[in-house]
C-alpha atoms as a PDB file:
ATOM      1  CA  UNK A   1     -99.018 -38.753-116.737  1.00  0.00           C
ATOM      2  CA  UNK A   2    -101.225 -35.973-115.477  1.00  0.00           C
ATOM      3  CA  UNK A   3    -103.537 -36.380-112.508  1.00  0.00           C
ATOM      4  CA  UNK A   4    -107.223 -35.603-112.906  1.00  0.00           C
ATOM      5  CA  UNK A   5    -109.068 -34.210-109.898  1.00  0.00           C
ATOM      6  CA  UNK A   6    -112.846 -33.808-109.656  1.00  0.00           C
ATOM      7  CA  UNK A   7    -114.668 -31.670-107.109  1.00  0.00           C
ATOM      8  CA  UNK A   8    -117.947 -29.868-106.604  1.00  0.00           C
ATOM      9  CA  UNK A   9    -117.671 -26.059-106.672  1.00  0.00           C
ATOM     10  CA  UNK A  10    -119.536 -24.212-103.950  1.00  0.00           C
ATOM     11  CA  UNK A  11    -121.569 -21.288-105.225  1.00  0.00           C
ATOM     12  CA  UNK A  12    -124.087 -19.168-103.344  1.00  0.00           C
ATOM     13  CA  UNK A  13    -125.400 -15.619-103.734  1.00  0.00           C
ATOM     14  CA  UNK A  14    -122.231 -14.145-102.221  1.00  0.00           C
ATOM     15  CA  UNK A  15    -119.235 -16.413-102.868  1.00  0.00           C
ATOM     16  CA  UNK A  16    -117.817 -19.108-105.074  1.00  0.00           C
ATOM     17  CA  UNK A  17    -115.365 -21.604-103.601  1.00  0.00           C
ATOM     18  CA  UNK A  18    -112.987 -23.302-106.015  1.00  0.00           C
ATOM     19  CA  UNK A  19    -110.101 -25.712-105.724  1.00  0.00           C
ATOM     20  CA  UNK A  20    -106.816 -24.228-104.550  1.00  0.00           C
ATOM     21  CA  UNK A  21    -104.134 -25.325-106.985  1.00  0.00           C
ATOM     22  CA  UNK A  22    -100.465 -25.816-106.186  1.00  0.00           C
ATOM     23  CA  UNK A  23     -98.219 -22.915-107.196  1.00  0.00           C
ATOM     24  CA  UNK A  24     -94.958 -22.887-109.140  1.00  0.00           C
ATOM     25  CA  UNK A  25     -91.865 -20.997-107.973  1.00  0.00           C
ATOM     26  CA  UNK A  26     -93.272 -17.789-109.499  1.00  0.00           C
ATOM     27  CA  UNK A  27     -96.551 -18.241-107.579  1.00  0.00           C
ATOM     28  CA  UNK A  28     -98.508 -19.162-110.710  1.00  0.00           C
ATOM     29  CA  UNK A  29    -101.130 -21.920-110.416  1.00  0.00           C
ATOM     30  CA  UNK A  30    -100.084 -25.367-111.596  1.00  0.00           C
ATOM     31  CA  UNK A  31    -102.921 -27.151-113.298  1.00  0.00           C
ATOM     32  CA  UNK A  32    -105.804 -26.405-115.582  1.00  0.00           C
ATOM     33  CA  UNK A  33    -109.551 -26.543-115.109  1.00  0.00           C
ATOM     34  CA  UNK A  34    -110.876 -28.810-117.825  1.00  0.00           C
ATOM     35  CA  UNK A  35    -114.645 -28.283-117.508  1.00  0.00           C
ATOM     36  CA  UNK A  36    -117.656 -28.505-115.259  1.00  0.00           C
ATOM     37  CA  UNK A  37    -119.895 -31.261-116.588  1.00  0.00           C
ATOM     38  CA  UNK A  38    -123.597 -32.032-116.265  1.00  0.00           C
ATOM     39  CA  UNK A  39    -122.821 -34.258-113.270  1.00  0.00           C
ATOM     40  CA  UNK A  40    -122.016 -31.033-111.375  1.00  0.00           C
ATOM     41  CA  UNK A  41    -118.356 -31.913-110.943  1.00  0.00           C
ATOM     42  CA  UNK A  42    -115.515 -29.698-112.081  1.00  0.00           C
ATOM     43  CA  UNK A  43    -112.542 -31.599-113.533  1.00  0.00           C
ATOM     44  CA  UNK A  44    -108.993 -30.295-113.161  1.00  0.00           C
ATOM     45  CA  UNK A  45    -105.749 -31.541-114.717  1.00  0.00           C
ATOM     46  CA  UNK A  46    -102.595 -31.374-112.577  1.00  0.00           C
ATOM     47  CA  UNK A  47     -99.142 -31.771-114.128  1.00  0.00           C
ATOM     48  CA  UNK A  48     -96.849 -34.616-113.155  1.00  0.00           C
ATOM     49  CA  UNK A  49     -95.558 -34.224-109.618  1.00  0.00           C
ATOM     50  CA  UNK A  50     -97.987 -31.465-108.626  1.00  0.00           C
ATOM     51  CA  UNK A  51     -99.728 -32.017-105.297  1.00  0.00           C
ATOM     52  CA  UNK A  52    -102.822 -30.153-104.125  1.00  0.00           C
ATOM     53  CA  UNK A  53    -102.370 -27.975-101.051  1.00  0.00           C
ATOM     54  CA  UNK A  54    -103.815 -29.715 -97.997  1.00  0.00           C
ATOM     55  CA  UNK A  55    -105.714 -26.591 -97.023  1.00  0.00           C
ATOM     56  CA  UNK A  56    -108.814 -26.360 -99.218  1.00  0.00           C
ATOM     57  CA  UNK A  57    -112.064 -24.429 -98.707  1.00  0.00           C
ATOM     58  CA  UNK A  58    -114.248 -26.278 -96.201  1.00  0.00           C
ATOM     59  CA  UNK A  59    -117.261 -26.114 -98.545  1.00  0.00           C
ATOM     60  CA  UNK A  60    -115.522 -28.233-101.200  1.00  0.00           C
ATOM     61  CA  UNK A  61    -112.948 -30.279 -99.263  1.00  0.00           C
ATOM     62  CA  UNK A  62    -115.098 -33.391 -98.885  1.00  0.00           C
ATOM     63  CA  UNK A  63    -115.900 -33.497-102.605  1.00  0.00           C
ATOM     64  CA  UNK A  64    -112.287 -33.583-103.883  1.00  0.00           C
ATOM     65  CA  UNK A  65    -111.344 -36.914-105.482  1.00  0.00           C
ATOM     66  CA  UNK A  66    -108.726 -38.212-107.897  1.00  0.00           C
ATOM     67  CA  UNK A  67    -110.440 -39.777-110.909  1.00  0.00           C
ATOM     68  CA  UNK A  68    -109.720 -41.764-114.019  1.00  0.00           C
ATOM     69  CA  UNK A  69    -111.821 -40.337-116.804  1.00  0.00           C
ATOM     70  CA  UNK A  70    -114.176 -42.612-118.698  1.00  0.00           C
ATOM     71  CA  UNK A  71    -114.419 -42.347-122.473  1.00  0.00           C
ATOM     72  CA  UNK A  72    -117.790 -40.626-122.079  1.00  0.00           C
ATOM     73  CA  UNK A  73    -116.321 -38.055-119.665  1.00  0.00           C
ATOM     74  CA  UNK A  74    -113.453 -37.328-122.055  1.00  0.00           C
ATOM     75  CA  UNK A  75    -115.958 -36.707-124.856  1.00  0.00           C
ATOM     76  CA  UNK A  76    -118.054 -34.473-122.591  1.00  0.00           C
ATOM     77  CA  UNK A  77    -114.960 -32.492-121.576  1.00  0.00           C
ATOM     78  CA  UNK A  78    -113.952 -32.144-125.213  1.00  0.00           C
ATOM     79  CA  UNK A  79    -117.409 -30.750-125.990  1.00  0.00           C
ATOM     80  CA  UNK A  80    -117.420 -28.367-123.008  1.00  0.00           C
ATOM     81  CA  UNK A  81    -113.809 -27.194-122.863  1.00  0.00           C
ATOM     82  CA  UNK A  82    -112.992 -23.966-124.700  1.00  0.00           C
ATOM     83  CA  UNK A  83    -109.273 -24.876-124.725  1.00  0.00           C
ATOM     84  CA  UNK A  84    -110.028 -28.125-126.572  1.00  0.00           C
ATOM     85  CA  UNK A  85    -112.132 -26.179-129.054  1.00  0.00           C
ATOM     86  CA  UNK A  86    -109.192 -23.825-129.619  1.00  0.00           C
ATOM     87  CA  UNK A  87    -106.839 -26.768-130.215  1.00  0.00           C
ATOM     88  CA  UNK A  88    -109.310 -28.241-132.729  1.00  0.00           C
ATOM     89  CA  UNK A  89    -109.639 -24.860-134.432  1.00  0.00           C
ATOM     90  CA  UNK A  90    -105.854 -24.511-134.627  1.00  0.00           C
ATOM     91  CA  UNK A  91    -105.571 -27.970-136.224  1.00  0.00           C
ATOM     92  CA  UNK A  92    -108.120 -26.911-138.851  1.00  0.00           C
ATOM     93  CA  UNK A  93    -106.209 -23.682-139.479  1.00  0.00           C
ATOM     94  CA  UNK A  94    -102.906 -25.566-139.820  1.00  0.00           C
ATOM     95  CA  UNK A  95    -104.447 -27.812-142.476  1.00  0.00           C
ATOM     96  CA  UNK A  96    -106.147 -24.878-144.219  1.00  0.00           C
ATOM     97  CA  UNK A  97    -102.832 -23.007-144.381  1.00  0.00           C
ATOM     98  CA  UNK A  98    -101.792 -25.430-147.135  1.00  0.00           C
ATOM     99  CA  UNK A  99    -105.098 -26.847-148.407  1.00  0.00           C
ATOM    100  CA  UNK A 100    -108.398 -25.082-148.957  1.00  0.00           C
ATOM    101  CA  UNK A 101    -111.628 -26.988-148.363  1.00  0.00           C
ATOM    102  CA  UNK A 102    -112.065 -27.245-152.133  1.00  0.00           C
ATOM    103  CA  UNK A 103    -108.552 -28.706-152.430  1.00  0.00           C
ATOM    104  CA  UNK A 104    -109.312 -31.237-149.691  1.00  0.00           C
ATOM    105  CA  UNK A 105    -112.500 -32.407-151.390  1.00  0.00           C
ATOM    106  CA  UNK A 106    -110.703 -32.716-154.744  1.00  0.00           C
ATOM    107  CA  UNK A 107    -107.856 -34.692-153.170  1.00  0.00           C
ATOM    108  CA  UNK A 108    -110.289 -37.032-151.417  1.00  0.00           C
ATOM    109  CA  UNK A 109    -111.994 -37.746-154.755  1.00  0.00           C
ATOM    110  CA  UNK A 110    -108.679 -38.467-156.482  1.00  0.00           C
ATOM    111  CA  UNK A 111    -107.256 -40.756-153.794  1.00  0.00           C
ATOM    112  CA  UNK A 112    -105.083 -42.751-153.975  1.00  0.00           C
ATOM    113  CA  UNK A 113    -102.549 -40.472-155.597  1.00  0.00           C
ATOM    114  CA  UNK A 114     -99.193 -38.923-154.679  1.00  0.00           C
ATOM    115  CA  UNK A 115    -100.950 -35.590-154.110  1.00  0.00           C
ATOM    116  CA  UNK A 116    -103.424 -37.213-151.728  1.00  0.00           C
ATOM    117  CA  UNK A 117    -100.577 -38.916-149.864  1.00  0.00           C
ATOM    118  CA  UNK A 118     -98.872 -35.532-149.334  1.00  0.00           C
ATOM    119  CA  UNK A 119    -102.143 -33.955-148.170  1.00  0.00           C
ATOM    120  CA  UNK A 120    -102.891 -36.861-145.853  1.00  0.00           C
ATOM    121  CA  UNK A 121     -99.401 -36.746-144.317  1.00  0.00           C
ATOM    122  CA  UNK A 122     -99.822 -33.022-143.622  1.00  0.00           C
ATOM    123  CA  UNK A 123    -103.304 -33.464-142.145  1.00  0.00           C
ATOM    124  CA  UNK A 124    -102.164 -36.350-139.948  1.00  0.00           C
ATOM    125  CA  UNK A 125     -99.188 -34.367-138.640  1.00  0.00           C
ATOM    126  CA  UNK A 126    -101.570 -31.518-137.726  1.00  0.00           C
ATOM    127  CA  UNK A 127    -103.923 -33.961-135.994  1.00  0.00           C
ATOM    128  CA  UNK A 128    -100.985 -35.522-134.120  1.00  0.00           C
ATOM    129  CA  UNK A 129    -100.056 -32.080-132.820  1.00  0.00           C
ATOM    130  CA  UNK A 130    -103.645 -31.609-131.615  1.00  0.00           C
ATOM    131  CA  UNK A 131    -103.674 -35.002-129.861  1.00  0.00           C
ATOM    132  CA  UNK A 132    -100.365 -34.172-128.149  1.00  0.00           C
ATOM    133  CA  UNK A 133    -101.746 -30.839-126.914  1.00  0.00           C
ATOM    134  CA  UNK A 134    -104.849 -32.563-125.538  1.00  0.00           C
ATOM    135  CA  UNK A 135    -102.667 -35.238-123.907  1.00  0.00           C
ATOM    136  CA  UNK A 136    -100.848 -32.478-122.025  1.00  0.00           C
ATOM    137  CA  UNK A 137    -104.241 -31.709-120.471  1.00  0.00           C
ATOM    138  CA  UNK A 138    -104.783 -35.340-119.536  1.00  0.00           C
ATOM    139  CA  UNK A 139    -107.304 -35.977-122.291  1.00  0.00           C
END
C-alpha cells in the first residue's frame, strides 16, 4: 500500500519550495507528485517502505501530513493528473487497437452475443490494466 502525503508548496517571486522525496540507490526520487488541488495542497504518492527525509524546507515543513484520500479527492486528482489522463488514453488506445468506435457501437447494439462477449472481455482486461496502473499511484 502506498502512502499519500499532502503539503502546501511555498512559492514567491524568487523561489519555489517543494517536498524533498526519498532517493533510491541510484539517487533517483522515490515517489510521484499526484496533483495540486483547489484546496492548495499538493498530493504525493510514496511507494511502500519509502520514508520522507527528515530535513525538509522550513517554508513547507509544518504543512506536511500523511492523508487518506476521500473519494472526492481521488476524483479531483484523476481530473487534474496528467499521468492519470495518459493511463486513460492508453486504455482507450488498447481497446481501439482491436475495435473501432463503429465496431464498439455495433457490438453494444447486438449484445448479448459471442462477439460482444469477446469485445467485453478485451475491454475489461484493458480497464483492469488501467486500474492496476492507477493503484500503483495510490489511487
